[in-house]
Amino acid sequence: MKKLSNALTACLVASTSVLTGCAVMGGDMPVRVIGAVPAPPRAQLKPICRLDLVQADTGKTRSNRQVTGEFSESFVIEARAKSYYFVVTCDNGREFRSEEYKLGSRGSFNKLIDLGAIDEVQP
């Protein structure tokens, strides 16, 4: 009986260590972003846009969401400190880009990023 108890204890300790390691050493992390796409002058309808989360060092889109007007979206990123920026591309040809944000470190867990009225990219 004692051997079974020791085996169960060892299994519990090993499982806890693995789960703790995933939370501390890597895994995923939620990030929330809010902002607004400025309406074009004399617009009747709000444009349909795509909000991209872009990894700055590679320029690759990591995830995207469809947005219109004001938005509040969540993304899941790798729990490793990296720089990211957001790009909004609309069906009316307008494009917007945010500044870069350092995300993925412990201090950015479930961080709220307020883009405000995001700046339009000038052609």
PDB file of N, CA and C in Angstrom:
ATOM      1  N   MET A   1       0.820  -1.189   0.000  1.00  0.00           N
ATOM      2  CA  MET A   1       0.000   0.000   0.000  1.00  0.00           C
ATOM      3  C   MET A   1       0.871   1.264   0.000  1.00  0.00           C
ATOM      4  N   LYS A   2       1.979   1.199   0.770  1.00  0.00           N
ATOM      5  CA  LYS A   2       2.861   2.350   0.839  1.00  0.00           C
ATOM      6  C   LYS A   2       3.521   2.614  -0.514  1.00  0.00           C
ATOM      7  N   LYS A   3       3.870   1.539  -1.260  1.00  0.00           N
ATOM      8  CA  LYS A   3       4.471   1.701  -2.581  1.00  0.00           C
ATOM      9  C   LYS A   3       3.488   2.374  -3.535  1.00  0.00           C
ATOM     10  N   LEU A   4       2.207   2.011  -3.448  1.00  0.00           N
ATOM     11  CA  LEU A   4       1.186   2.626  -4.292  1.00  0.00           C
ATOM     12  C   LEU A   4       1.032   4.110  -3.955  1.00  0.00           C
ATOM     13  N   SER A   5       1.060   4.432  -2.678  1.00  0.00           N
ATOM     14  CA  SER A   5       0.957   5.822  -2.239  1.00  0.00           C
ATOM     15  C   SER A   5       2.148   6.639  -2.732  1.00  0.00           C
ATOM     16  N   ASN A   6       3.344   6.074  -2.640  1.00  0.00           N
ATOM     17  CA  ASN A   6       4.544   6.763  -3.121  1.00  0.00           C
ATOM     18  C   ASN A   6       4.489   6.959  -4.628  1.00  0.00           C
ATOM     19  N   ALA A   7       3.977   5.955  -5.362  1.00  0.00           N
ATOM     20  CA  ALA A   7       3.870   6.053  -6.818  1.00  0.00           C
ATOM     21  C   ALA A   7       2.873   7.143  -7.203  1.00  0.00           C
ATOM     22  N   LEU A   8       1.752   7.221  -6.503  1.00  0.00           N
ATOM     23  CA  LEU A   8       0.749   8.251  -6.779  1.00  0.00           C
ATOM     24  C   LEU A   8       1.302   9.646  -6.470  1.00  0.00           C
ATOM     25  N   THR A   9       2.035   9.762  -5.382  1.00  0.00           N
ATOM     26  CA  THR A   9       2.649  11.043  -5.021  1.00  0.00           C
ATOM     27  C   THR A   9       3.652  11.471  -6.081  1.00  0.00           C
ATOM     28  N   ALA A  10       4.481  10.536  -6.537  1.00  0.00           N
ATOM     29  CA  ALA A  10       5.469  10.846  -7.576  1.00  0.00           C
ATOM     30  C   ALA A  10       4.780  11.277  -8.864  1.00  0.00           C
ATOM     31  N   CYS A  11       3.700  10.588  -9.216  1.00  0.00           N
ATOM     32  CA  CYS A  11       2.956  10.932 -10.429  1.00  0.00           C
ATOM     33  C   CYS A  11       2.349  12.332 -10.304  1.00  0.00           C
ATOM     34  N   LEU A  12       1.797  12.651  -9.145  1.00  0.00           N
ATOM     35  CA  LEU A  12       1.195  13.967  -8.911  1.00  0.00           C
ATOM     36  C   LEU A  12       2.251  15.071  -8.996  1.00  0.00           C
ATOM     37  N   VAL A  13       3.403  14.846  -8.390  1.00  0.00           N
ATOM     38  CA  VAL A  13       4.496  15.827  -8.427  1.00  0.00           C
ATOM     39  C   VAL A  13       4.979  16.029  -9.860  1.00  0.00           C
ATOM     40  N   ALA A  14       5.127  14.951 -10.611  1.00  0.00           N
ATOM     41  CA  ALA A  14       5.591  15.049 -12.002  1.00  0.00           C
ATOM     42  C   ALA A  14       4.577  15.810 -12.859  1.00  0.00           C
ATOM     43  N   SER A  15       3.296  15.504 -12.694  1.00  0.00           N
ATOM     44  CA  SER A  15       2.250  16.191 -13.467  1.00  0.00           C
ATOM     45  C   SER A  15       2.215  17.677 -13.154  1.00  0.00           C
ATOM     46  N   THR A  16       2.312  18.017 -11.883  1.00  0.00           N
ATOM     47  CA  THR A  16       2.306  19.422 -11.478  1.00  0.00           C
ATOM     48  C   THR A  16       3.517  20.148 -12.035  1.00  0.00           C
ATOM     49  N   SER A  17       4.668  19.502 -12.023  1.00  0.00           N
ATOM     50  CA  SER A  17       5.887  20.121 -12.554  1.00  0.00           C
ATOM     51  C   SER A  17       5.758  20.401 -14.042  1.00  0.00           C
ATOM     52  N   VAL A  18       5.195  19.466 -14.776  1.00  0.00           N
ATOM     53  CA  VAL A  18       5.018  19.652 -16.217  1.00  0.00           C
ATOM     54  C   VAL A  18       4.069  20.810 -16.478  1.00  0.00           C
ATOM     55  N   LEU A  19       2.941  20.850 -15.782  1.00  0.00           N
ATOM     56  CA  LEU A  19       1.962  21.933 -15.987  1.00  0.00           C
ATOM     57  C   LEU A  19       2.536  23.285 -15.594  1.00  0.00           C
ATOM     58  N   THR A  20       3.261  23.340 -14.495  1.00  0.00           N
ATOM     59  CA  THR A  20       3.877  24.591 -14.063  1.00  0.00           C
ATOM     60  C   THR A  20       4.923  25.040 -15.069  1.00  0.00           C
ATOM     61  N   GLY A  21       5.697  24.110 -15.601  1.00  0.00           N
ATOM     62  CA  GLY A  21       6.707  24.436 -16.600  1.00  0.00           C
ATOM     63  C   GLY A  21       6.087  25.042 -17.834  1.00  0.00           C
ATOM     64  N   CYS A  22       4.944  24.543 -18.270  1.00  0.00           N
ATOM     65  CA  CYS A  22       4.270  25.099 -19.446  1.00  0.00           C
ATOM     66  C   CYS A  22       3.830  26.529 -19.190  1.00  0.00           C
ATOM     67  N   ALA A  23       3.356  26.789 -17.984  1.00  0.00           N
ATOM     68  CA  ALA A  23       2.875  28.136 -17.678  1.00  0.00           C
ATOM     69  C   ALA A  23       4.017  29.127 -17.541  1.00  0.00           C
ATOM     70  N   VAL A  24       5.175  28.654 -17.033  1.00  0.00           N
ATOM     71  CA  VAL A  24       6.292  29.560 -16.793  1.00  0.00           C
ATOM     72  C   VAL A  24       7.232  29.643 -17.996  1.00  0.00           C
ATOM     73  N   MET A  25       7.469  28.526 -18.654  1.00  0.00           N
ATOM     74  CA  MET A  25       8.487  28.456 -19.686  1.00  0.00           C
ATOM     75  C   MET A  25       7.976  28.699 -21.104  1.00  0.00           C
ATOM     76  N   GLY A  26       6.711  28.820 -21.277  1.00  0.00           N
ATOM     77  CA  GLY A  26       6.209  28.990 -22.635  1.00  0.00           C
ATOM     78  C   GLY A  26       4.704  28.954 -22.629  1.00  0.00           C
ATOM     79  N   GLY A  27       4.125  28.491 -23.716  1.00  0.00           N
ATOM     80  CA  GLY A  27       2.678  28.419 -23.791  1.00  0.00           C
ATOM     81  C   GLY A  27       2.133  29.647 -24.493  1.00  0.00           C
ATOM     82  N   ASP A  28       0.871  29.898 -24.249  1.00  0.00           N
ATOM     83  CA  ASP A  28       0.181  31.007 -24.899  1.00  0.00           C
ATOM     84  C   ASP A  28      -0.277  32.046 -23.892  1.00  0.00           C
ATOM     85  N   MET A  29      -0.553  33.235 -24.399  1.00  0.00           N
ATOM     86  CA  MET A  29      -0.933  34.353 -23.542  1.00  0.00           C
ATOM     87  C   MET A  29      -1.988  35.199 -24.252  1.00  0.00           C
ATOM     88  N   PRO A  30      -3.080  35.553 -23.536  1.00  0.00           N
ATOM     89  CA  PRO A  30      -4.100  36.402 -24.154  1.00  0.00           C
ATOM     90  C   PRO A  30      -3.706  37.874 -24.150  1.00  0.00           C
ATOM     91  N   VAL A  31      -4.098  38.571 -25.203  1.00  0.00           N
ATOM     92  CA  VAL A  31      -3.887  40.015 -25.333  1.00  0.00           C
ATOM     93  C   VAL A  31      -5.185  40.605 -25.884  1.00  0.00           C
ATOM     94  N   ARG A  32      -5.648  41.702 -25.308  1.00  0.00           N
ATOM     95  CA  ARG A  32      -6.861  42.359 -25.807  1.00  0.00           C
ATOM     96  C   ARG A  32      -6.495  43.684 -26.443  1.00  0.00           C
ATOM     97  N   VAL A  33      -7.164  44.012 -27.538  1.00  0.00           N
ATOM     98  CA  VAL A  33      -6.902  45.278 -28.226  1.00  0.00           C
ATOM     99  C   VAL A  33      -8.233  45.965 -28.528  1.00  0.00           C
ATOM    100  N   ILE A  34      -8.267  47.273 -28.237  1.00  0.00           N
ATOM    101  CA  ILE A  34      -9.442  48.081 -28.569  1.00  0.00           C
ATOM    102  C   ILE A  34      -8.981  49.266 -29.402  1.00  0.00           C
ATOM    103  N   GLY A  35      -9.874  49.781 -30.207  1.00  0.00           N
ATOM    104  CA  GLY A  35      -9.535  50.929 -31.037  1.00  0.00           C
ATOM    105  C   GLY A  35     -10.686  51.288 -31.945  1.00  0.00           C
ATOM    106  N   ALA A  36     -10.414  52.183 -32.872  1.00  0.00           N
ATOM    107  CA  ALA A  36     -11.439  52.632 -33.799  1.00  0.00           C
ATOM    108  C   ALA A  36     -10.814  52.935 -35.153  1.00  0.00           C
ATOM    109  N   VAL A  37     -11.547  52.566 -36.196  1.00  0.00           N
ATOM    110  CA  VAL A  37     -11.158  52.911 -37.555  1.00  0.00           C
ATOM    111  C   VAL A  37     -11.910  54.191 -37.893  1.00  0.00           C
ATOM    112  N   PRO A  38     -11.199  55.295 -38.154  1.00  0.00           N
ATOM    113  CA  PRO A  38     -11.894  56.542 -38.481  1.00  0.00           C
ATOM    114  C   PRO A  38     -12.754  56.374 -39.742  1.00  0.00           C
ATOM    115  N   ALA A  39     -13.985  56.858 -39.667  1.00  0.00           N
ATOM    116  CA  ALA A  39     -14.888  56.765 -40.826  1.00  0.00           C
ATOM    117  C   ALA A  39     -14.395  57.690 -41.926  1.00  0.00           C
ATOM    118  N   PRO A  40     -14.498  57.234 -43.172  1.00  0.00           N
ATOM    119  CA  PRO A  40     -14.105  58.106 -44.275  1.00  0.00           C
ATOM    120  C   PRO A  40     -15.075  59.273 -44.396  1.00  0.00           C
ATOM    121  N   PRO A  41     -14.624  60.400 -44.961  1.00  0.00           N
ATOM    122  CA  PRO A  41     -15.512  61.554 -45.107  1.00  0.00           C
ATOM    123  C   PRO A  41     -16.730  61.198 -45.954  1.00  0.00           C
ATOM    124  N   ARG A  42     -17.873  61.694 -45.555  1.00  0.00           N
ATOM    125  CA  ARG A  42     -19.142  61.517 -46.264  1.00  0.00           C
ATOM    126  C   ARG A  42     -19.515  60.053 -46.477  1.00  0.00           C
ATOM    127  N   ALA A  43     -19.128  59.189 -45.567  1.00  0.00           N
ATOM    128  CA  ALA A  43     -19.416  57.764 -45.734  1.00  0.00           C
ATOM    129  C   ALA A  43     -20.829  57.451 -45.260  1.00  0.00           C
ATOM    130  N   GLN A  44     -21.546  56.692 -46.044  1.00  0.00           N
ATOM    131  CA  GLN A  44     -22.881  56.245 -45.673  1.00  0.00           C
ATOM    132  C   GLN A  44     -22.798  54.992 -44.800  1.00  0.00           C
ATOM    133  N   LEU A  45     -21.896  54.080 -45.184  1.00  0.00           N
ATOM    134  CA  LEU A  45     -21.736  52.822 -44.467  1.00  0.00           C
ATOM    135  C   LEU A  45     -20.330  52.727 -43.887  1.00  0.00           C
ATOM    136  N   LYS A  46     -20.235  52.045 -42.748  1.00  0.00           N
ATOM    137  CA  LYS A  46     -18.914  51.788 -42.180  1.00  0.00           C
ATOM    138  C   LYS A  46     -18.224  50.736 -43.042  1.00  0.00           C
ATOM    139  N   PRO A  47     -16.958  50.939 -43.362  1.00  0.00           N
ATOM    140  CA  PRO A  47     -16.257  49.935 -44.163  1.00  0.00           C
ATOM    141  C   PRO A  47     -16.039  48.645 -43.363  1.00  0.00           C
ATOM    142  N   ILE A  48     -15.953  47.552 -44.061  1.00  0.00           N
ATOM    143  CA  ILE A  48     -15.597  46.280 -43.433  1.00  0.00           C
ATOM    144  C   ILE A  48     -14.081  46.173 -43.511  1.00  0.00           C
ATOM    145  N   CYS A  49     -13.471  45.892 -42.373  1.00  0.00           N
ATOM    146  CA  CYS A  49     -12.007  45.896 -42.294  1.00  0.00           C
ATOM    147  C   CYS A  49     -11.497  44.603 -41.671  1.00  0.00           C
ATOM    148  N   ARG A  50     -10.203  44.359 -41.873  1.00  0.00           N
ATOM    149  CA  ARG A  50      -9.523  43.226 -41.261  1.00  0.00           C
ATOM    150  C   ARG A  50      -8.428  43.775 -40.352  1.00  0.00           C
ATOM    151  N   LEU A  51      -8.444  43.345 -39.100  1.00  0.00           N
ATOM    152  CA  LEU A  51      -7.430  43.725 -38.110  1.00  0.00           C
ATOM    153  C   LEU A  51      -6.410  42.596 -38.031  1.00  0.00           C
ATOM    154  N   ASP A  52      -5.149  42.897 -38.408  1.00  0.00           N
ATOM    155  CA  ASP A  52      -4.068  41.904 -38.381  1.00  0.00           C
ATOM    156  C   ASP A  52      -3.146  42.166 -37.201  1.00  0.00           C
ATOM    157  N   LEU A  53      -2.763  41.097 -36.521  1.00  0.00           N
ATOM    158  CA  LEU A  53      -1.697  41.134 -35.520  1.00  0.00           C
ATOM    159  C   LEU A  53      -0.442  40.674 -36.242  1.00  0.00           C
ATOM    160  N   VAL A  54       0.573  41.565 -36.336  1.00  0.00           N
ATOM    161  CA  VAL A  54       1.772  41.297 -37.127  1.00  0.00           C
ATOM    162  C   VAL A  54       2.994  41.238 -36.218  1.00  0.00           C
ATOM    163  N   GLN A  55       3.795  40.188 -36.381  1.00  0.00           N
ATOM    164  CA  GLN A  55       5.052  40.092 -35.643  1.00  0.00           C
ATOM    165  C   GLN A  55       6.072  40.991 -36.327  1.00  0.00           C
ATOM    166  N   ALA A  56       6.611  41.957 -35.586  1.00  0.00           N
ATOM    167  CA  ALA A  56       7.440  43.018 -36.174  1.00  0.00           C
ATOM    168  C   ALA A  56       8.718  42.503 -36.835  1.00  0.00           C
ATOM    169  N   ASP A  57       9.415  41.556 -36.237  1.00  0.00           N
ATOM    170  CA  ASP A  57      10.703  41.133 -36.796  1.00  0.00           C
ATOM    171  C   ASP A  57      10.578  40.307 -38.080  1.00  0.00           C
ATOM    172  N   THR A  58       9.416  39.692 -38.291  1.00  0.00           N
ATOM    173  CA  THR A  58       9.241  38.878 -39.496  1.00  0.00           C
ATOM    174  C   THR A  58       8.264  39.501 -40.496  1.00  0.00           C
ATOM    175  N   GLY A  59       7.410  40.400 -40.019  1.00  0.00           N
ATOM    176  CA  GLY A  59       6.386  40.986 -40.883  1.00  0.00           C
ATOM    177  C   GLY A  59       5.244  40.030 -41.187  1.00  0.00           C
ATOM    178  N   LYS A  60       5.216  38.887 -40.503  1.00  0.00           N
ATOM    179  CA  LYS A  60       4.173  37.892 -40.738  1.00  0.00           C
ATOM    180  C   LYS A  60       2.942  38.170 -39.877  1.00  0.00           C
ATOM    181  N   THR A  61       1.769  38.027 -40.500  1.00  0.00           N
ATOM    182  CA  THR A  61       0.517  38.151 -39.768  1.00  0.00           C
ATOM    183  C   THR A  61       0.341  36.896 -38.922  1.00  0.00           C
ATOM    184  N   ARG A  62       0.162  37.086 -37.625  1.00  0.00           N
ATOM    185  CA  ARG A  62       0.000  35.971 -36.706  1.00  0.00           C
ATOM    186  C   ARG A  62      -1.459  35.576 -36.537  1.00  0.00           C
ATOM    187  N   SER A  63      -2.354  36.540 -36.675  1.00  0.00           N
ATOM    188  CA  SER A  63      -3.781  36.283 -36.533  1.00  0.00           C
ATOM    189  C   SER A  63      -4.534  37.494 -37.056  1.00  0.00           C
ATOM    190  N   ASN A  64      -5.816  37.322 -37.377  1.00  0.00           N
ATOM    191  CA  ASN A  64      -6.602  38.468 -37.818  1.00  0.00           C
ATOM    192  C   ASN A  64      -8.064  38.305 -37.429  1.00  0.00           C
ATOM    193  N   ARG A  65      -8.776  39.439 -37.427  1.00  0.00           N
ATOM    194  CA  ARG A  65     -10.198  39.486 -37.088  1.00  0.00           C
ATOM    195  C   ARG A  65     -10.887  40.464 -38.033  1.00  0.00           C
ATOM    196  N   GLN A  66     -12.148  40.222 -38.330  1.00  0.00           N
ATOM    197  CA  GLN A  66     -12.933  41.186 -39.102  1.00  0.00           C
ATOM    198  C   GLN A  66     -13.499  42.213 -38.132  1.00  0.00           C
ATOM    199  N   VAL A  67     -13.360  43.508 -38.467  1.00  0.00           N
ATOM    200  CA  VAL A  67     -13.834  44.590 -37.604  1.00  0.00           C
ATOM    201  C   VAL A  67     -14.525  45.662 -38.444  1.00  0.00           C
ATOM    202  N   THR A  68     -15.345  46.456 -37.788  1.00  0.00           N
ATOM    203  CA  THR A  68     -15.935  47.653 -38.392  1.00  0.00           C
ATOM    204  C   THR A  68     -15.984  48.727 -37.313  1.00  0.00           C
ATOM    205  N   GLY A  69     -15.715  49.958 -37.685  1.00  0.00           N
ATOM    206  CA  GLY A  69     -15.804  51.073 -36.730  1.00  0.00           C
ATOM    207  C   GLY A  69     -14.977  50.836 -35.487  1.00  0.00           C
ATOM    208  N   GLU A  70     -15.627  50.898 -34.322  1.00  0.00           N
ATOM    209  CA  GLU A  70     -14.938  50.630 -33.065  1.00  0.00           C
ATOM    210  C   GLU A  70     -14.832  49.129 -32.869  1.00  0.00           C
ATOM    211  N   PHE A  71     -13.704  48.707 -32.279  1.00  0.00           N
ATOM    212  CA  PHE A  71     -13.513  47.269 -32.090  1.00  0.00           C
ATOM    213  C   PHE A  71     -12.897  46.953 -30.737  1.00  0.00           C
ATOM    214  N   SER A  72     -13.157  45.752 -30.283  1.00  0.00           N
ATOM    215  CA  SER A  72     -12.580  45.188 -29.071  1.00  0.00           C
ATOM    216  C   SER A  72     -12.374  43.708 -29.368  1.00  0.00           C
ATOM    217  N   GLU A  73     -11.125  43.305 -29.508  1.00  0.00           N
ATOM    218  CA  GLU A  73     -10.808  41.942 -29.936  1.00  0.00           C
ATOM    219  C   GLU A  73      -9.744  41.326 -29.032  1.00  0.00           C
ATOM    220  N   SER A  74      -9.755  40.016 -28.968  1.00  0.00           N
ATOM    221  CA  SER A  74      -8.744  39.271 -28.206  1.00  0.00           C
ATOM    222  C   SER A  74      -7.907  38.433 -29.158  1.00  0.00           C
ATOM    223  N   PHE A  75      -6.632  38.335 -28.836  1.00  0.00           N
ATOM    224  CA  PHE A  75      -5.694  37.513 -29.588  1.00  0.00           C
ATOM    225  C   PHE A  75      -4.936  36.648 -28.589  1.00  0.00           C
ATOM    226  N   VAL A  76      -4.431  35.537 -29.059  1.00  0.00           N
ATOM    227  CA  VAL A  76      -3.570  34.684 -28.244  1.00  0.00           C
ATOM    228  C   VAL A  76      -2.203  34.663 -28.914  1.00  0.00           C
ATOM    229  N   ILE A  77      -1.191  35.003 -28.118  1.00  0.00           N
ATOM    230  CA  ILE A  77       0.165  35.051 -28.647  1.00  0.00           C
ATOM    231  C   ILE A  77       1.061  34.093 -27.866  1.00  0.00           C
ATOM    232  N   GLU A  78       2.212  33.828 -28.422  1.00  0.00           N
ATOM    233  CA  GLU A  78       3.207  33.007 -27.748  1.00  0.00           C
ATOM    234  C   GLU A  78       3.731  33.761 -26.535  1.00  0.00           C
ATOM    235  N   ALA A  79       3.880  33.056 -25.422  1.00  0.00           N
ATOM    236  CA  ALA A  79       4.352  33.683 -24.183  1.00  0.00           C
ATOM    237  C   ALA A  79       5.868  33.845 -24.209  1.00  0.00           C
ATOM    238  N   ARG A  80       6.330  34.689 -25.135  1.00  0.00           N
ATOM    239  CA  ARG A  80       7.741  35.044 -25.291  1.00  0.00           C
ATOM    240  C   ARG A  80       7.782  36.496 -25.730  1.00  0.00           C
ATOM    241  N   ALA A  81       8.604  37.295 -25.115  1.00  0.00           N
ATOM    242  CA  ALA A  81       8.653  38.722 -25.431  1.00  0.00           C
ATOM    243  C   ALA A  81       9.059  38.954 -26.886  1.00  0.00           C
ATOM    244  N   LYS A  82       8.156  39.578 -27.632  1.00  0.00           N
ATOM    245  CA  LYS A  82       8.400  39.938 -29.027  1.00  0.00           C
ATOM    246  C   LYS A  82       7.671  41.235 -29.311  1.00  0.00           C
ATOM    247  N   SER A  83       8.081  41.904 -30.378  1.00  0.00           N
ATOM    248  CA  SER A  83       7.402  43.129 -30.791  1.00  0.00           C
ATOM    249  C   SER A  83       6.343  42.795 -31.837  1.00  0.00           C
ATOM    250  N   TYR A  84       5.187  43.418 -31.662  1.00  0.00           N
ATOM    251  CA  TYR A  84       4.067  43.249 -32.579  1.00  0.00           C
ATOM    252  C   TYR A  84       3.506  44.618 -32.927  1.00  0.00           C
ATOM    253  N   TYR A  85       2.797  44.691 -34.048  1.00  0.00           N
ATOM    254  CA  TYR A  85       2.003  45.871 -34.379  1.00  0.00           C
ATOM    255  C   TYR A  85       0.712  45.406 -35.019  1.00  0.00           C
ATOM    256  N   PHE A  86      -0.239  46.321 -35.136  1.00  0.00           N
ATOM    257  CA  PHE A  86      -1.546  46.007 -35.688  1.00  0.00           C
ATOM    258  C   PHE A  86      -1.743  46.771 -36.988  1.00  0.00           C
ATOM    259  N   VAL A  87      -2.332  46.106 -37.974  1.00  0.00           N
ATOM    260  CA  VAL A  87      -2.659  46.727 -39.256  1.00  0.00           C
ATOM    261  C   VAL A  87      -4.141  46.507 -39.506  1.00  0.00           C
ATOM    262  N   VAL A  88      -4.821  47.570 -39.912  1.00  0.00           N
ATOM    263  CA  VAL A  88      -6.226  47.469 -40.299  1.00  0.00           C
ATOM    264  C   VAL A  88      -6.305  47.786 -41.788  1.00  0.00           C
ATOM    265  N   THR A  89      -6.854  46.859 -42.561  1.00  0.00           N
ATOM    266  CA  THR A  89      -7.035  47.034 -43.999  1.00  0.00           C
ATOM    267  C   THR A  89      -8.534  46.968 -44.281  1.00  0.00           C
ATOM    268  N   CYS A  90      -9.059  48.003 -44.945  1.00  0.00           N
ATOM    269  CA  CYS A  90     -10.500  48.097 -45.170  1.00  0.00           C
ATOM    270  C   CYS A  90     -10.868  47.852 -46.629  1.00  0.00           C
ATOM    271  N   ASP A  91     -12.121  47.463 -46.834  1.00  0.00           N
ATOM    272  CA  ASP A  91     -12.584  47.157 -48.190  1.00  0.00           C
ATOM    273  C   ASP A  91     -12.705  48.394 -49.078  1.00  0.00           C
ATOM    274  N   ASN A  92     -12.558  49.581 -48.500  1.00  0.00           N
ATOM    275  CA  ASN A  92     -12.584  50.812 -49.304  1.00  0.00           C
ATOM    276  C   ASN A  92     -11.169  51.268 -49.690  1.00  0.00           C
ATOM    277  N   GLY A  93     -10.160  50.401 -49.435  1.00  0.00           N
ATOM    278  CA  GLY A  93      -8.790  50.704 -49.838  1.00  0.00           C
ATOM    279  C   GLY A  93      -7.954  51.418 -48.790  1.00  0.00           C
ATOM    280  N   ARG A  94      -8.549  51.828 -47.698  1.00  0.00           N
ATOM    281  CA  ARG A  94      -7.782  52.519 -46.658  1.00  0.00           C
ATOM    282  C   ARG A  94      -7.035  51.508 -45.794  1.00  0.00           C
ATOM    283  N   GLU A  95      -5.853  51.933 -45.311  1.00  0.00           N
ATOM    284  CA  GLU A  95      -5.038  51.071 -44.457  1.00  0.00           C
ATOM    285  C   GLU A  95      -4.514  51.884 -43.283  1.00  0.00           C
ATOM    286  N   PHE A  96      -4.461  51.247 -42.126  1.00  0.00           N
ATOM    287  CA  PHE A  96      -4.035  51.890 -40.886  1.00  0.00           C
ATOM    288  C   PHE A  96      -3.004  50.990 -40.202  1.00  0.00           C
ATOM    289  N   ARG A  97      -2.062  51.627 -39.479  1.00  0.00           N
ATOM    290  CA  ARG A  97      -1.037  50.854 -38.767  1.00  0.00           C
ATOM    291  C   ARG A  97      -0.766  51.479 -37.406  1.00  0.00           C
ATOM    292  N   SER A  98      -0.597  50.619 -36.413  1.00  0.00           N
ATOM    293  CA  SER A  98      -0.288  51.085 -35.056  1.00  0.00           C
ATOM    294  C   SER A  98       1.223  51.178 -34.865  1.00  0.00           C
ATOM    295  N   GLU A  99       1.606  51.697 -33.727  1.00  0.00           N
ATOM    296  CA  GLU A  99       3.002  51.639 -33.305  1.00  0.00           C
ATOM    297  C   GLU A  99       3.299  50.202 -32.875  1.00  0.00           C
ATOM    298  N   GLU A 100       4.568  49.910 -32.574  1.00  0.00           N
ATOM    299  CA  GLU A 100       4.943  48.574 -32.115  1.00  0.00           C
ATOM    300  C   GLU A 100       4.733  48.453 -30.613  1.00  0.00           C
ATOM    301  N   TYR A 101       4.369  47.258 -30.194  1.00  0.00           N
ATOM    302  CA  TYR A 101       4.161  46.936 -28.788  1.00  0.00           C
ATOM    303  C   TYR A 101       4.971  45.698 -28.437  1.00  0.00           C
ATOM    304  N   LYS A 102       5.645  45.731 -27.286  1.00  0.00           N
ATOM    305  CA  LYS A 102       6.387  44.568 -26.788  1.00  0.00           C
ATOM    306  C   LYS A 102       5.390  43.732 -25.985  1.00  0.00           C
ATOM    307  N   LEU A 103       5.107  42.533 -26.482  1.00  0.00           N
ATOM    308  CA  LEU A 103       4.117  41.659 -25.852  1.00  0.00           C
ATOM    309  C   LEU A 103       4.702  40.279 -25.630  1.00  0.00           C
ATOM    310  N   GLY A 104       4.079  39.514 -24.760  1.00  0.00           N
ATOM    311  CA  GLY A 104       4.484  38.137 -24.523  1.00  0.00           C
ATOM    312  C   GLY A 104       5.284  37.929 -23.259  1.00  0.00           C
ATOM    313  N   SER A 105       5.702  39.004 -22.604  1.00  0.00           N
ATOM    314  CA  SER A 105       6.436  38.856 -21.346  1.00  0.00           C
ATOM    315  C   SER A 105       5.427  38.699 -20.206  1.00  0.00           C
ATOM    316  N   ARG A 106       5.911  38.368 -19.052  1.00  0.00           N
ATOM    317  CA  ARG A 106       5.020  38.172 -17.897  1.00  0.00           C
ATOM    318  C   ARG A 106       4.167  39.401 -17.618  1.00  0.00           C
ATOM    319  N   GLY A 107       4.711  40.576 -17.792  1.00  0.00           N
ATOM    320  CA  GLY A 107       3.977  41.807 -17.506  1.00  0.00           C
ATOM    321  C   GLY A 107       2.881  42.122 -18.505  1.00  0.00           C
ATOM    322  N   SER A 108       2.832  41.385 -19.609  1.00  0.00           N
ATOM    323  CA  SER A 108       1.810  41.677 -20.617  1.00  0.00           C
ATOM    324  C   SER A 108       0.679  40.657 -20.626  1.00  0.00           C
ATOM    325  N   PHE A 109       0.601  39.800 -19.606  1.00  0.00           N
ATOM    326  CA  PHE A 109      -0.472  38.804 -19.537  1.00  0.00           C
ATOM    327  C   PHE A 109      -1.831  39.500 -19.506  1.00  0.00           C
ATOM    328  N   ASN A 110      -2.698  39.132 -20.432  1.00  0.00           N
ATOM    329  CA  ASN A 110      -4.043  39.688 -20.569  1.00  0.00           C
ATOM    330  C   ASN A 110      -4.028  41.213 -20.645  1.00  0.00           C
ATOM    331  N   LYS A 111      -3.004  41.756 -21.267  1.00  0.00           N
ATOM    332  CA  LYS A 111      -2.832  43.194 -21.379  1.00  0.00           C
ATOM    333  C   LYS A 111      -3.889  43.795 -22.305  1.00  0.00           C
ATOM    334  N   LEU A 112      -4.390  44.964 -21.937  1.00  0.00           N
ATOM    335  CA  LEU A 112      -5.316  45.712 -22.780  1.00  0.00           C
ATOM    336  C   LEU A 112      -4.530  46.774 -23.528  1.00  0.00           C
ATOM    337  N   ILE A 113      -4.569  46.703 -24.845  1.00  0.00           N
ATOM    338  CA  ILE A 113      -3.889  47.680 -25.685  1.00  0.00           C
ATOM    339  C   ILE A 113      -4.949  48.581 -26.287  1.00  0.00           C
ATOM    340  N   ASP A 114      -4.864  49.859 -25.979  1.00  0.00           N
ATOM    341  CA  ASP A 114      -5.826  50.825 -26.509  1.00  0.00           C
ATOM    342  C   ASP A 114      -5.180  51.577 -27.660  1.00  0.00           C
ATOM    343  N   LEU A 115      -5.581  51.240 -28.879  1.00  0.00           N
ATOM    344  CA  LEU A 115      -5.017  51.893 -30.062  1.00  0.00           C
ATOM    345  C   LEU A 115      -5.628  53.263 -30.297  1.00  0.00           C
ATOM    346  N   GLY A 116      -6.763  53.547 -29.667  1.00  0.00           N
ATOM    347  CA  GLY A 116      -7.456  54.802 -29.931  1.00  0.00           C
ATOM    348  C   GLY A 116      -7.905  54.835 -31.384  1.00  0.00           C
ATOM    349  N   ALA A 117      -7.864  56.004 -32.005  1.00  0.00           N
ATOM    350  CA  ALA A 117      -8.152  56.114 -33.434  1.00  0.00           C
ATOM    351  C   ALA A 117      -6.834  55.852 -34.161  1.00  0.00           C
ATOM    352  N   ILE A 118      -6.728  54.708 -34.740  1.00  0.00           N
ATOM    353  CA  ILE A 118      -5.488  54.242 -35.359  1.00  0.00           C
ATOM    354  C   ILE A 118      -5.124  55.118 -36.566  1.00  0.00           C
ATOM    355  N   ASP A 119      -3.832  55.371 -36.764  1.00  0.00           N
ATOM    356  CA  ASP A 119      -3.347  56.277 -37.829  1.00  0.00           C
ATOM    357  C   ASP A 119      -3.394  55.635 -39.203  1.00  0.00           C
ATOM    358  N   GLU A 120      -3.836  56.407 -40.170  1.00  0.00           N
ATOM    359  CA  GLU A 120      -3.891  55.935 -41.555  1.00  0.00           C
ATOM    360  C   GLU A 120      -2.505  55.942 -42.178  1.00  0.00           C
ATOM    361  N   VAL A 121      -2.205  54.894 -42.943  1.00  0.00           N
ATOM    362  CA  VAL A 121      -0.944  54.809 -43.670  1.00  0.00           C
ATOM    363  C   VAL A 121      -1.074  55.685 -44.914  1.00  0.00           C
ATOM    364  N   GLN A 122      -0.120  56.590 -45.099  1.00  0.00           N
ATOM    365  CA  GLN A 122      -0.151  57.473 -46.266  1.00  0.00           C
ATOM    366  C   GLN A 122       0.537  56.788 -47.438  1.00  0.00           C
ATOM    367  N   PRO A 123      -0.111  56.793 -48.626  1.00  0.00           N
ATOM    368  CA  PRO A 123       0.494  56.111 -49.782  1.00  0.00           C
ATOM    369  C   PRO A 123       1.772  56.775 -50.249  1.00  0.00           C
TER     370      PRO A 123
END
